[in-house]
C-alpha atoms as a PDB file:
ATOM      1  CA  MET A   1      -3.567 -30.625   4.312  1.00  0.00           C
ATOM      2  CA  THR A   2       0.173 -29.821   4.804  1.00  0.00           C
ATOM      3  CA  TRP A   3       0.143 -27.392   1.867  1.00  0.00           C
ATOM      4  CA  LEU A   4      -2.958 -25.413   3.565  1.00  0.00           C
ATOM      5  CA  ARG A   5      -1.254 -25.271   7.025  1.00  0.00           C
ATOM      6  CA  VAL A   6       2.100 -24.111   5.787  1.00  0.00           C
ATOM      7  CA  HIS A   7       0.438 -21.463   3.494  1.00  0.00           C
ATOM      8  CA  GLY A   8      -1.881 -20.562   6.165  1.00  0.00           C
ATOM      9  CA  ARG A   9       1.128 -19.865   8.492  1.00  0.00           C
ATOM     10  CA  LEU A  10       2.771 -17.643   5.774  1.00  0.00           C
ATOM     11  CA  PHE A  11      -0.621 -15.705   5.340  1.00  0.00           C
ATOM     12  CA  ALA A  12      -0.617 -15.453   9.212  1.00  0.00           C
ATOM     13  CA  SER A  13       3.028 -13.996   9.268  1.00  0.00           C
ATOM     14  CA  GLY A  14       1.986 -11.571   6.331  1.00  0.00           C
ATOM     15  CA  TRP A  15      -0.942 -10.497   8.499  1.00  0.00           C
ATOM     16  CA  ARG A  16       1.092 -10.065  11.652  1.00  0.00           C
ATOM     17  CA  ARG A  17       3.770  -7.922   9.540  1.00  0.00           C
ATOM     18  CA  GLY A  18       1.057  -5.791   8.478  1.00  0.00           C
ATOM     19  CA  ALA A  19      -0.019  -5.292  12.074  1.00  0.00           C
ATOM     20  CA  THR A  20       3.342  -4.154  13.229  1.00  0.00           C
ATOM     21  CA  TYR A  21       3.669  -0.813  11.362  1.00  0.00           C
ATOM     22  CA  ARG A  22       0.674   0.758  12.756  1.00  0.00           C
ATOM     23  CA  ALA A  23       2.216   4.408  12.411  1.00  0.00           C
ATOM     24  CA  ALA A  24       2.536   3.792   8.799  1.00  0.00           C
ATOM     25  CA  ALA A  25      -0.970   2.576   8.589  1.00  0.00           C
ATOM     26  CA  LEU A  26      -2.348   5.753  10.189  1.00  0.00           C
ATOM     27  CA  GLY A  27      -0.209   7.647   7.759  1.00  0.00           C
ATOM     28  CA  GLY A  28      -1.688   5.942   4.747  1.00  0.00           C
ATOM     29  CA  LEU A  29      -5.104   6.419   6.080  1.00  0.00           C
ATOM     30  CA  VAL A  30      -4.558  10.193   6.525  1.00  0.00           C
ATOM     31  CA  ALA A  31      -3.119  10.418   2.989  1.00  0.00           C
ATOM     32  CA  ASN A  32      -5.978   8.263   1.336  1.00  0.00           C
ATOM     33  CA  ALA A  33      -8.553  10.241   3.123  1.00  0.00           C
ATOM     34  CA  THR A  34      -7.050  13.602   1.783  1.00  0.00           C
ATOM     35  CA  PHE A  35      -7.004  12.308  -1.696  1.00  0.00           C
ATOM     36  CA  GLY A  36     -10.456  10.984  -1.405  1.00  0.00           C
ATOM     37  CA  LEU A  37     -11.894  14.269  -0.358  1.00  0.00           C
ATOM     38  CA  LEU A  38     -10.160  15.798  -3.444  1.00  0.00           C
ATOM     39  CA  LYS A  39     -11.009  12.876  -5.836  1.00  0.00           C
ATOM     40  CA  ALA A  40     -14.675  13.032  -4.783  1.00  0.00           C
ATOM     41  CA  SER A  41     -14.704  16.879  -5.265  1.00  0.00           C
ATOM     42  CA  ILE A  42     -13.332  16.744  -8.645  1.00  0.00           C
ATOM     43  CA  LEU A  43     -15.196  13.780 -10.059  1.00  0.00           C
ATOM     44  CA  THR A  44     -18.471  15.049  -8.773  1.00  0.00           C
ATOM     45  CA  ALA A  45     -17.717  18.336 -10.215  1.00  0.00           C
ATOM     46  CA  ALA A  46     -17.359  16.903 -13.633  1.00  0.00           C
ATOM     47  CA  VAL A  47     -20.467  14.672 -13.357  1.00  0.00           C
ATOM     48  CA  ARG A  48     -22.488  17.942 -12.726  1.00  0.00           C
ATOM     49  CA  ALA A  49     -20.917  19.722 -15.548  1.00  0.00           C
ATOM     50  CA  ALA A  50     -21.790  16.795 -17.794  1.00  0.00           C
ATOM     51  CA  GLY A  51     -25.290  17.391 -16.917  1.00  0.00           C
ATOM     52  CA  GLY A  52     -25.536  14.777 -14.035  1.00  0.00           C
ATOM     53  CA  GLU A  53     -24.052  11.381 -15.851  1.00  0.00           C
ATOM     54  CA  LEU A  54     -20.652  10.841 -17.119  1.00  0.00           C
ATOM     55  CA  GLY A  55     -19.592   7.561 -18.665  1.00  0.00           C
ATOM     56  CA  GLY A  56     -22.513   5.588 -16.988  1.00  0.00           C
ATOM     57  CA  TYR A  57     -21.676   7.317 -13.650  1.00  0.00           C
ATOM     58  CA  ASP A  58     -24.373   9.466 -11.716  1.00  0.00           C
ATOM     59  CA  GLN A  59     -23.352  11.252  -8.531  1.00  0.00           C
ATOM     60  CA  ALA A  60     -23.866   8.465  -6.365  1.00  0.00           C
ATOM     61  CA  ALA A  61     -21.867   6.297  -8.478  1.00  0.00           C
ATOM     62  CA  ILE A  62     -18.993   8.449  -8.808  1.00  0.00           C
ATOM     63  CA  LEU A  63     -18.725   8.940  -5.128  1.00  0.00           C
ATOM     64  CA  ALA A  64     -18.762   5.300  -4.603  1.00  0.00           C
ATOM     65  CA  TYR A  65     -15.952   5.061  -7.009  1.00  0.00           C
ATOM     66  CA  ALA A  66     -13.897   7.768  -5.468  1.00  0.00           C
ATOM     67  CA  TRP A  67     -14.023   6.536  -1.873  1.00  0.00           C
ATOM     68  CA  LEU A  68     -13.779   2.686  -2.806  1.00  0.00           C
ATOM     69  CA  THR A  69     -10.658   3.059  -4.941  1.00  0.00           C
ATOM     70  CA  GLN A  70      -8.924   5.032  -2.076  1.00  0.00           C
ATOM     71  CA  ALA A  71     -10.141   2.465   0.314  1.00  0.00           C
ATOM     72  CA  LEU A  72      -8.414  -0.374  -1.659  1.00  0.00           C
ATOM     73  CA  LEU A  73      -5.338   1.359  -2.539  1.00  0.00           C
ATOM     74  CA  GLY A  74      -3.463   0.145   0.404  1.00  0.00           C
ATOM     75  CA  SER A  75      -4.338  -3.592  -0.311  1.00  0.00           C
ATOM     76  CA  VAL A  76      -4.440  -3.813  -3.885  1.00  0.00           C
ATOM     77  CA  ASN A  77      -0.622  -3.638  -4.973  1.00  0.00           C
ATOM     78  CA  LEU A  78      -0.353  -0.984  -7.746  1.00  0.00           C
ATOM     79  CA  PHE A  79       3.324   0.013  -6.948  1.00  0.00           C
ATOM     80  CA  GLY A  80       5.103  -3.260  -7.925  1.00  0.00           C
ATOM     81  CA  ARG A  81       7.136  -3.332  -4.981  1.00  0.00           C
ATOM     82  CA  SER A  82       7.945  -6.461  -2.777  1.00  0.00           C
ATOM     83  CA  ASP A  83      10.021  -8.095  -0.441  1.00  0.00           C
ATOM     84  CA  LEU A  84      10.759 -10.800  -3.012  1.00  0.00           C
ATOM     85  CA  ALA A  85      12.498  -8.339  -5.245  1.00  0.00           C
ATOM     86  CA  ASP A  86      14.844  -7.560  -2.547  1.00  0.00           C
ATOM     87  CA  ARG A  87      15.603 -11.070  -1.936  1.00  0.00           C
ATOM     88  CA  MET A  88      16.245 -11.395  -5.458  1.00  0.00           C
ATOM     89  CA  LYS A  89      18.900  -8.761  -5.475  1.00  0.00           C
ATOM     90  CA  ASP A  90      20.773  -9.757  -2.429  1.00  0.00           C
ATOM     91  CA  GLY A  91      20.813 -13.416  -3.188  1.00  0.00           C
ATOM     92  CA  SER A  92      18.801 -14.451  -0.318  1.00  0.00           C
ATOM     93  CA  ILE A  93      16.102 -16.016  -2.800  1.00  0.00           C
ATOM     94  CA  ALA A  94      18.603 -18.775  -3.087  1.00  0.00           C
ATOM     95  CA  ILE A  95      17.710 -19.825   0.282  1.00  0.00           C
ATOM     96  CA  ASP A  96      13.780 -19.526  -0.513  1.00  0.00           C
ATOM     97  CA  LEU A  97      14.547 -22.106  -3.336  1.00  0.00           C
ATOM     98  CA  LEU A  98      15.831 -24.738  -1.191  1.00  0.00           C
ATOM     99  CA  ARG A  99      13.033 -24.647   1.049  1.00  0.00           C
ATOM    100  CA  PRO A 100      10.176 -27.289   0.218  1.00  0.00           C
ATOM    101  CA  VAL A 101       7.776 -24.812  -0.544  1.00  0.00           C
ATOM    102  CA  ASP A 102       7.000 -23.096  -3.778  1.00  0.00           C
ATOM    103  CA  VAL A 103       8.358 -19.704  -3.943  1.00  0.00           C
ATOM    104  CA  GLN A 104       5.487 -18.160  -6.004  1.00  0.00           C
ATOM    105  CA  THR A 105       2.573 -19.400  -3.608  1.00  0.00           C
ATOM    106  CA  ALA A 106       4.763 -18.584  -0.598  1.00  0.00           C
ATOM    107  CA  SER A 107       5.595 -15.110  -1.302  1.00  0.00           C
ATOM    108  CA  THR A 108       1.734 -14.475  -2.472  1.00  0.00           C
ATOM    109  CA  ALA A 109       0.440 -15.856   0.751  1.00  0.00           C
ATOM    110  CA  GLN A 110       2.637 -13.538   2.704  1.00  0.00           C
ATOM    111  CA  GLU A 111       1.732 -10.591   0.508  1.00  0.00           C
ATOM    112  CA  VAL A 112      -2.138 -11.356   0.530  1.00  0.00           C
ATOM    113  CA  GLY A 113      -1.895 -11.614   4.431  1.00  0.00           C
ATOM    114  CA  ARG A 114      -0.298  -8.084   4.810  1.00  0.00           C
ATOM    115  CA  ALA A 115      -2.607  -6.733   2.212  1.00  0.00           C
ATOM    116  CA  LEU A 116      -5.792  -8.048   3.726  1.00  0.00           C
ATOM    117  CA  PHE A 117      -4.719  -6.750   7.123  1.00  0.00           C
ATOM    118  CA  SER A 118      -4.569  -3.184   5.568  1.00  0.00           C
ATOM    119  CA  LEU A 119      -8.118  -3.189   4.939  1.00  0.00           C
ATOM    120  CA  LEU A 120      -8.856  -2.670   8.772  1.00  0.00           C
ATOM    121  CA  PRO A 121      -6.719   0.295   9.397  1.00  0.00           C
ATOM    122  CA  ARG A 122      -6.966   1.979   5.896  1.00  0.00           C
ATOM    123  CA  GLY A 123      -9.889   0.422   4.092  1.00  0.00           C
ATOM    124  CA  VAL A 124     -12.846   0.123   6.268  1.00  0.00           C
ATOM    125  CA  PRO A 125     -12.248   3.594   8.088  1.00  0.00           C
ATOM    126  CA  LEU A 126     -12.396   5.165   4.411  1.00  0.00           C
ATOM    127  CA  VAL A 127     -15.628   3.359   3.790  1.00  0.00           C
ATOM    128  CA  VAL A 128     -16.992   4.679   6.907  1.00  0.00           C
ATOM    129  CA  LEU A 129     -15.871   8.044   6.644  1.00  0.00           C
ATOM    130  CA  GLY A 130     -17.204   8.304   2.956  1.00  0.00           C
ATOM    131  CA  ALA A 131     -20.576   6.898   4.109  1.00  0.00           C
ATOM    132  CA  LEU A 132     -20.691   9.521   6.983  1.00  0.00           C
ATOM    133  CA  PHE A 133     -19.352  12.713   5.331  1.00  0.00           C
ATOM    134  CA  GLY A 134     -18.658  11.940   1.517  1.00  0.00           C
ATOM    135  CA  GLY A 135     -22.019  10.870   0.427  1.00  0.00           C
ATOM    136  CA  LEU A 136     -20.758   6.933  -0.247  1.00  0.00           C
ATOM    137  CA  ARG A 137     -23.742   4.505  -0.303  1.00  0.00           C
ATOM    138  CA  LEU A 138     -23.364   0.898  -0.658  1.00  0.00           C
ATOM    139  CA  PRO A 139     -26.121  -1.697  -1.582  1.00  0.00           C
ATOM    140  CA  THR A 140     -28.124  -3.230   1.232  1.00  0.00           C
ATOM    141  CA  ASP A 141     -28.398  -6.553  -0.718  1.00  0.00           C
ATOM    142  CA  PRO A 142     -26.449  -9.122   1.422  1.00  0.00           C
ATOM    143  CA  ALA A 143     -25.970 -11.145  -1.641  1.00  0.00           C
ATOM    144  CA  GLN A 144     -24.451  -8.165  -3.755  1.00  0.00           C
ATOM    145  CA  LEU A 145     -22.299  -7.153  -0.799  1.00  0.00           C
ATOM    146  CA  ALA A 146     -20.730 -10.740  -0.407  1.00  0.00           C
ATOM    147  CA  LEU A 147     -19.979 -10.920  -4.184  1.00  0.00           C
ATOM    148  CA  GLY A 148     -18.339  -7.443  -3.752  1.00  0.00           C
ATOM    149  CA  VAL A 149     -16.263  -8.809  -0.860  1.00  0.00           C
ATOM    150  CA  ILE A 150     -15.211 -11.755  -2.929  1.00  0.00           C
ATOM    151  CA  SER A 151     -14.284  -9.673  -5.687  1.00  0.00           C
ATOM    152  CA  VAL A 152     -11.833  -7.538  -3.481  1.00  0.00           C
ATOM    153  CA  VAL A 153     -10.225 -10.524  -1.989  1.00  0.00           C
ATOM    154  CA  LEU A 154      -9.878 -11.797  -5.627  1.00  0.00           C
ATOM    155  CA  ALA A 155      -8.572  -8.398  -6.617  1.00  0.00           C
ATOM    156  CA  VAL A 156      -5.774  -8.313  -3.774  1.00  0.00           C
ATOM    157  CA  VAL A 157      -4.641 -12.033  -4.796  1.00  0.00           C
ATOM    158  CA  LEU A 158      -4.464 -11.066  -8.279  1.00  0.00           C
ATOM    159  CA  SER A 159      -2.338  -8.090  -7.589  1.00  0.00           C
ATOM    160  CA  SER A 160      -0.053 -10.088  -5.439  1.00  0.00           C
ATOM    161  CA  LEU A 161       0.523 -12.494  -8.217  1.00  0.00           C
ATOM    162  CA  LEU A 162       1.116  -9.542 -10.740  1.00  0.00           C
ATOM    163  CA  VAL A 163       3.793  -8.212  -8.468  1.00  0.00           C
ATOM    164  CA  TYR A 164       5.499 -11.547  -8.023  1.00  0.00           C
ATOM    165  CA  LEU A 165       5.905 -11.327 -11.939  1.00  0.00           C
ATOM    166  CA  VAL A 166       7.604  -7.896 -11.351  1.00  0.00           C
ATOM    167  CA  ALA A 167       9.837  -9.437  -8.802  1.00  0.00           C
ATOM    168  CA  ALA A 168      10.402 -12.732 -10.677  1.00  0.00           C
ATOM    169  CA  SER A 169      12.135 -10.707 -13.501  1.00  0.00           C
ATOM    170  CA  GLY A 170      14.961 -10.648 -10.941  1.00  0.00           C
ATOM    171  CA  PHE A 171      15.924 -14.151 -11.971  1.00  0.00           C
ATOM    172  CA  TRP A 172      17.543 -12.531 -15.149  1.00  0.00           C
ATOM    173  CA  THR A 173      18.323  -9.114 -14.162  1.00  0.00           C
ATOM    174  CA  VAL A 174      20.061  -7.484 -10.795  1.00  0.00           C
ATOM    175  CA  GLU A 175      17.914  -4.378 -10.533  1.00  0.00           C
ATOM    176  CA  THR A 176      14.047  -4.377 -11.034  1.00  0.00           C
ATOM    177  CA  ARG A 177      13.267  -0.946  -9.939  1.00  0.00           C
ATOM    178  CA  GLY A 178      12.772   0.628 -13.323  1.00  0.00           C
ATOM    179  CA  LEU A 179      10.207  -2.390 -14.146  1.00  0.00           C
ATOM    180  CA  GLN A 180       8.372  -1.513 -10.807  1.00  0.00           C
ATOM    181  CA  VAL A 181       8.027   2.094 -11.888  1.00  0.00           C
ATOM    182  CA  PHE A 182       6.881   1.016 -15.236  1.00  0.00           C
ATOM    183  CA  TYR A 183       4.324  -1.279 -13.522  1.00  0.00           C
ATOM    184  CA  MET A 184       3.086   1.432 -11.087  1.00  0.00           C
ATOM    185  CA  ILE A 185       2.310   3.931 -13.926  1.00  0.00           C
ATOM    186  CA  VAL A 186       0.648   1.254 -16.244  1.00  0.00           C
ATOM    187  CA  SER A 187      -1.334  -0.532 -13.578  1.00  0.00           C
ATOM    188  CA  GLY A 188      -2.530   2.585 -11.816  1.00  0.00           C
ATOM    189  CA  PHE A 189      -3.872   4.235 -15.078  1.00  0.00           C
ATOM    190  CA  LEU A 190      -5.369   0.997 -16.748  1.00  0.00           C
ATOM    191  CA  ALA A 191      -6.840  -0.423 -13.224  1.00  0.00           C
ATOM    192  CA  GLY A 192      -8.935   2.982 -12.914  1.00  0.00           C
ATOM    193  CA  LEU A 193      -7.271   4.570 -10.158  1.00  0.00           C
ATOM    194  CA  PHE A 194      -7.485   8.134 -11.445  1.00  0.00           C
ATOM    195  CA  VAL A 195     -10.641   8.051 -13.392  1.00  0.00           C
ATOM    196  CA  PRO A 196     -13.157   5.273 -14.419  1.00  0.00           C
ATOM    197  CA  VAL A 197     -11.870   3.260 -17.451  1.00  0.00           C
ATOM    198  CA  THR A 198     -15.301   3.767 -18.712  1.00  0.00           C
ATOM    199  CA  LEU A 199     -14.317   7.303 -19.599  1.00  0.00           C
ATOM    200  CA  PHE A 200     -11.416   6.195 -21.733  1.00  0.00           C
ATOM    201  CA  PRO A 201     -12.047   6.561 -25.600  1.00  0.00           C
ATOM    202  CA  ASP A 202     -12.875   3.223 -27.168  1.00  0.00           C
ATOM    203  CA  TRP A 203      -9.481   2.199 -28.295  1.00  0.00           C
ATOM    204  CA  LEU A 204      -8.044   2.790 -24.940  1.00  0.00           C
ATOM    205  CA  LEU A 205     -10.936   1.192 -23.142  1.00  0.00           C
ATOM    206  CA  THR A 206     -10.689  -1.939 -25.329  1.00  0.00           C
ATOM    207  CA  LEU A 207      -6.949  -1.807 -24.465  1.00  0.00           C
ATOM    208  CA  ALA A 208      -7.472  -1.633 -20.868  1.00  0.00           C
ATOM    209  CA  TRP A 209      -9.952  -4.415 -20.565  1.00  0.00           C
ATOM    210  CA  SER A 210      -7.444  -6.714 -22.584  1.00  0.00           C
ATOM    211  CA  THR A 211      -5.097  -6.683 -19.721  1.00  0.00           C
ATOM    212  CA  PRO A 212      -5.288  -7.920 -16.070  1.00  0.00           C
ATOM    213  CA  PHE A 213      -5.491  -4.345 -14.653  1.00  0.00           C
ATOM    214  CA  PRO A 214      -9.333  -3.439 -14.650  1.00  0.00           C
ATOM    215  CA  PRO A 215      -9.971  -6.510 -12.288  1.00  0.00           C
ATOM    216  CA  LEU A 216      -7.678  -5.046  -9.807  1.00  0.00           C
ATOM    217  CA  LEU A 217      -9.685  -1.705  -9.105  1.00  0.00           C
ATOM    218  CA  GLN A 218     -12.364  -1.190 -11.595  1.00  0.00           C
ATOM    219  CA  VAL A 219     -14.210  -4.464 -11.081  1.00  0.00           C
ATOM    220  CA  PRO A 220     -14.192  -4.846  -7.365  1.00  0.00           C
ATOM    221  CA  VAL A 221     -15.459  -1.089  -7.029  1.00  0.00           C
ATOM    222  CA  ASP A 222     -18.187  -1.604  -9.631  1.00  0.00           C
ATOM    223  CA  VAL A 223     -19.192  -4.913  -7.853  1.00  0.00           C
ATOM    224  CA  LEU A 224     -18.867  -3.656  -4.255  1.00  0.00           C
ATOM    225  CA  SER A 225     -20.717  -0.381  -5.042  1.00  0.00           C
ATOM    226  CA  GLY A 226     -23.704  -2.143  -6.725  1.00  0.00           C
ATOM    227  CA  ARG A 227     -23.056  -0.373 -10.237  1.00  0.00           C
ATOM    228  CA  VAL A 228     -22.833  -3.505 -11.904  1.00  0.00           C
ATOM    229  CA  THR A 229     -25.250  -6.368 -10.613  1.00  0.00           C
ATOM    230  CA  GLY A 230     -26.862  -9.811 -11.458  1.00  0.00           C
ATOM    231  CA  THR A 231     -25.188 -11.921 -14.157  1.00  0.00           C
ATOM    232  CA  ALA A 232     -23.199  -8.880 -15.163  1.00  0.00           C
ATOM    233  CA  ALA A 233     -21.414  -8.823 -11.705  1.00  0.00           C
ATOM    234  CA  LEU A 234     -20.841 -12.733 -11.891  1.00  0.00           C
ATOM    235  CA  ALA A 235     -19.227 -12.245 -15.174  1.00  0.00           C
ATOM    236  CA  LEU A 236     -16.966  -9.575 -13.859  1.00  0.00           C
ATOM    237  CA  VAL A 237     -15.791 -11.915 -11.028  1.00  0.00           C
ATOM    238  CA  GLY A 238     -15.398 -14.688 -13.354  1.00  0.00           C
ATOM    239  CA  LEU A 239     -13.074 -12.659 -15.299  1.00  0.00           C
ATOM    240  CA  GLN A 240     -10.935 -11.933 -12.347  1.00  0.00           C
ATOM    241  CA  VAL A 241     -10.639 -15.861 -11.611  1.00  0.00           C
ATOM    242  CA  GLY A 242      -9.567 -16.386 -15.201  1.00  0.00           C
ATOM    243  CA  TRP A 243      -7.014 -13.799 -14.877  1.00  0.00           C
ATOM    244  CA  LEU A 244      -5.935 -15.443 -11.570  1.00  0.00           C
ATOM    245  CA  ALA A 245      -5.435 -18.590 -13.619  1.00  0.00           C
ATOM    246  CA  VAL A 246      -3.386 -16.986 -16.432  1.00  0.00           C
ATOM    247  CA  ILE A 247      -1.177 -14.974 -14.016  1.00  0.00           C
ATOM    248  CA  TYR A 248      -0.550 -17.797 -11.846  1.00  0.00           C
ATOM    249  CA  ALA A 249       0.478 -20.171 -14.909  1.00  0.00           C
ATOM    250  CA  ILE A 250       2.875 -17.308 -16.248  1.00  0.00           C
ATOM    251  CA  GLY A 251       4.447 -16.820 -12.723  1.00  0.00           C
ATOM    252  CA  ALA A 252       4.990 -20.680 -12.547  1.00  0.00           C
ATOM    253  CA  LEU A 253       6.579 -20.741 -15.687  1.00  0.00           C
ATOM    254  CA  MET A 254       8.960 -17.951 -14.798  1.00  0.00           C
ATOM    255  CA  THR A 255       9.745 -19.469 -11.715  1.00  0.00           C
ATOM    256  CA  ARG A 256      10.861 -22.781 -13.190  1.00  0.00           C
ATOM    257  CA  ALA A 257      12.969 -21.159 -15.870  1.00  0.00           C
ATOM    258  CA  GLY A 258      14.205 -18.743 -13.224  1.00  0.00           C
ATOM    259  CA  ARG A 259      15.585 -21.649 -11.259  1.00  0.00           C
ATOM    260  CA  ARG A 260      18.013 -22.551 -13.991  1.00  0.00           C
ATOM    261  CA  ARG A 261      19.108 -19.049 -14.697  1.00  0.00           C
ATOM    262  CA  LEU A 262      19.378 -17.159 -11.345  1.00  0.00           C
ATOM    263  CA  GLU A 263      21.539 -13.957 -11.421  1.00  0.00           C
ATOM    264  CA  VAL A 264      22.344 -11.928  -8.405  1.00  0.00           C
ATOM    265  CA  GLN A 265      24.183  -8.692  -7.448  1.00  0.00           C
ATOM    266  CA  GLY A 266      28.074 -10.028  -6.717  1.00  0.00           C
ATOM    267  CA  GLY A 267      27.712 -13.191  -9.333  1.00  0.00           C
END
């Protein structure tokens, strides 16, 4: 119970921090809406040019993909940046290591709180905008919608754990910005941010699904939109849970090893 209470407070602090920067949230909403319109227009034209179906997507499915990926972009961290990376660099991570709370779970709880708050000013309005003006249609089955919401939450947690791995590399290096940029390029592409991964050639599709990145965007979008239903949807959510366990275990190992070899700027 103490663990839950402490991490609940950390989650709440992340939520409050997300609520602090309202102007930034508004700017993000405008940017995501603009790119949502562009993405929907381009992909719809591609589907029409392909004869009404492209890579398993018809017009309704591709519109759902376009709007939902933009709606999740503010909450699923594909950019690799985190406060922990800055604390690694300036040495304040040493204070975090002295606290009686696991660094990995504590930082993840705060990041998840901030990310889930972002769904309110950035995610939900984009879904409404897409439904009213962009042709977005979500399934009416409550069970499918509930599974989609669960998939979204799992994607947010998984992205936070992945970003922790990027920051944890700071245990061995002074600067992690290069790795952050690399993560941003690879994760966005393989997660299906630009085009659905089903449009990839077979070899690249196989490569993508062997990484934890499609569960960040492709999976929650397919489940929430109703493109994938039934046991197939449950299997995708199970894949997310599996990757959560793997990435958490890797992060725990990195944390233990990093405690023994921490290097910060200045010594």
